[in-house]
Amino acid sequence: MPCPAGKIVLSGGNRIRYESGTGNVGQAVVNSCPDVSTEAWIVNAKEILPTSNNWQLQAYAICASSD
């Protein structure tokens, strides 16, 4: 999740969203951290248990002026 131009990332996070009514179907976040430039928050997830259910990974970044 990139920050707007001229801002740096202070923090960030994520959540896994599931198809309605399916609940947790075996995914795990494997990485959630700032990138090396401190201009974005990086998140990766993977299926631990293969599933045909739909899921989404959402990421967010908290950014501020670098001044």
Protein backbone atom coordinates (compact mmCIF):
# COMPACT_ATOMS: atom_id res chain seq x y z
CA MET A 1 0.00 0.00 0.00
CA PRO A 2 1.88 3.12 -1.18
CA CYS A 3 1.88 6.47 0.61
CA PRO A 4 1.03 9.63 -1.33
CA ALA A 5 3.98 11.55 -2.80
CA GLY A 6 6.08 13.32 -0.17
CA LYS A 7 4.89 11.13 2.71
CA ILE A 8 6.52 8.23 4.55
CA VAL A 9 4.90 5.20 6.13
CA LEU A 10 4.68 5.23 9.94
CA SER A 11 2.77 1.98 10.36
CA GLY A 12 0.39 -0.31 8.55
CA GLY A 13 -1.65 -3.43 8.81
CA ASN A 14 -3.86 -5.93 7.11
CA ARG A 15 -6.86 -8.17 7.33
CA ILE A 16 -8.09 -11.22 5.50
CA ARG A 17 -11.71 -11.05 4.35
CA TYR A 18 -13.72 -14.15 3.63
CA GLU A 19 -16.72 -14.98 1.51
CA SER A 20 -19.89 -14.46 3.54
CA GLY A 21 -20.56 -17.44 5.79
CA THR A 22 -17.29 -19.30 5.14
CA GLY A 23 -15.21 -18.07 8.08
CA ASN A 24 -11.48 -18.67 8.26
CA VAL A 25 -10.63 -21.17 5.58
CA GLY A 26 -6.90 -21.58 6.15
CA GLN A 27 -4.99 -18.45 5.15
CA ALA A 28 -2.04 -16.86 6.92
CA VAL A 29 -0.33 -13.48 6.64
CA VAL A 30 3.34 -14.21 6.05
CA ASN A 31 4.69 -10.66 5.76
CA SER A 32 3.45 -7.26 6.99
CA CYS A 33 6.12 -4.54 7.14
CA PRO A 34 7.34 -1.27 5.61
CA ASP A 35 9.28 -1.52 2.38
CA VAL A 36 12.94 -0.47 2.39
CA SER A 37 12.14 3.01 1.03
CA THR A 38 9.64 3.62 3.90
CA GLU A 39 7.18 4.85 1.26
CA ALA A 40 4.82 1.84 1.37
CA TRP A 41 3.52 -1.01 3.54
CA ILE A 42 3.97 -4.51 2.12
CA VAL A 43 1.66 -7.43 2.96
CA ASN A 44 1.68 -11.01 1.67
CA ALA A 45 -0.57 -13.94 2.55
CA LYS A 46 -0.90 -17.52 1.43
CA GLU A 47 -3.29 -20.43 1.74
CA ILE A 48 -2.18 -22.92 4.36
CA LEU A 49 -5.06 -25.23 3.49
CA PRO A 50 -6.12 -25.21 -0.18
CA THR A 51 -9.70 -24.02 -0.62
CA SER A 52 -12.15 -23.16 -3.37
CA ASN A 53 -13.68 -20.42 -1.16
CA ASN A 54 -12.94 -16.82 -2.12
CA TRP A 55 -10.86 -14.62 0.17
CA GLN A 56 -9.18 -11.22 -0.09
CA LEU A 57 -6.14 -9.65 1.53
CA GLN A 58 -6.57 -5.98 2.42
CA ALA A 59 -3.62 -3.78 3.37
CA TYR A 60 -3.47 -0.28 4.80
CA ALA A 61 -0.69 2.22 5.46
CA ILE A 62 -0.55 5.09 7.95
CA CYS A 63 1.46 7.85 6.31
CA ALA A 64 2.71 11.30 7.37
CA SER A 65 4.75 14.17 5.94
CA SER A 66 8.44 13.47 5.84
CA ASP A 67 9.19 17.07 6.90
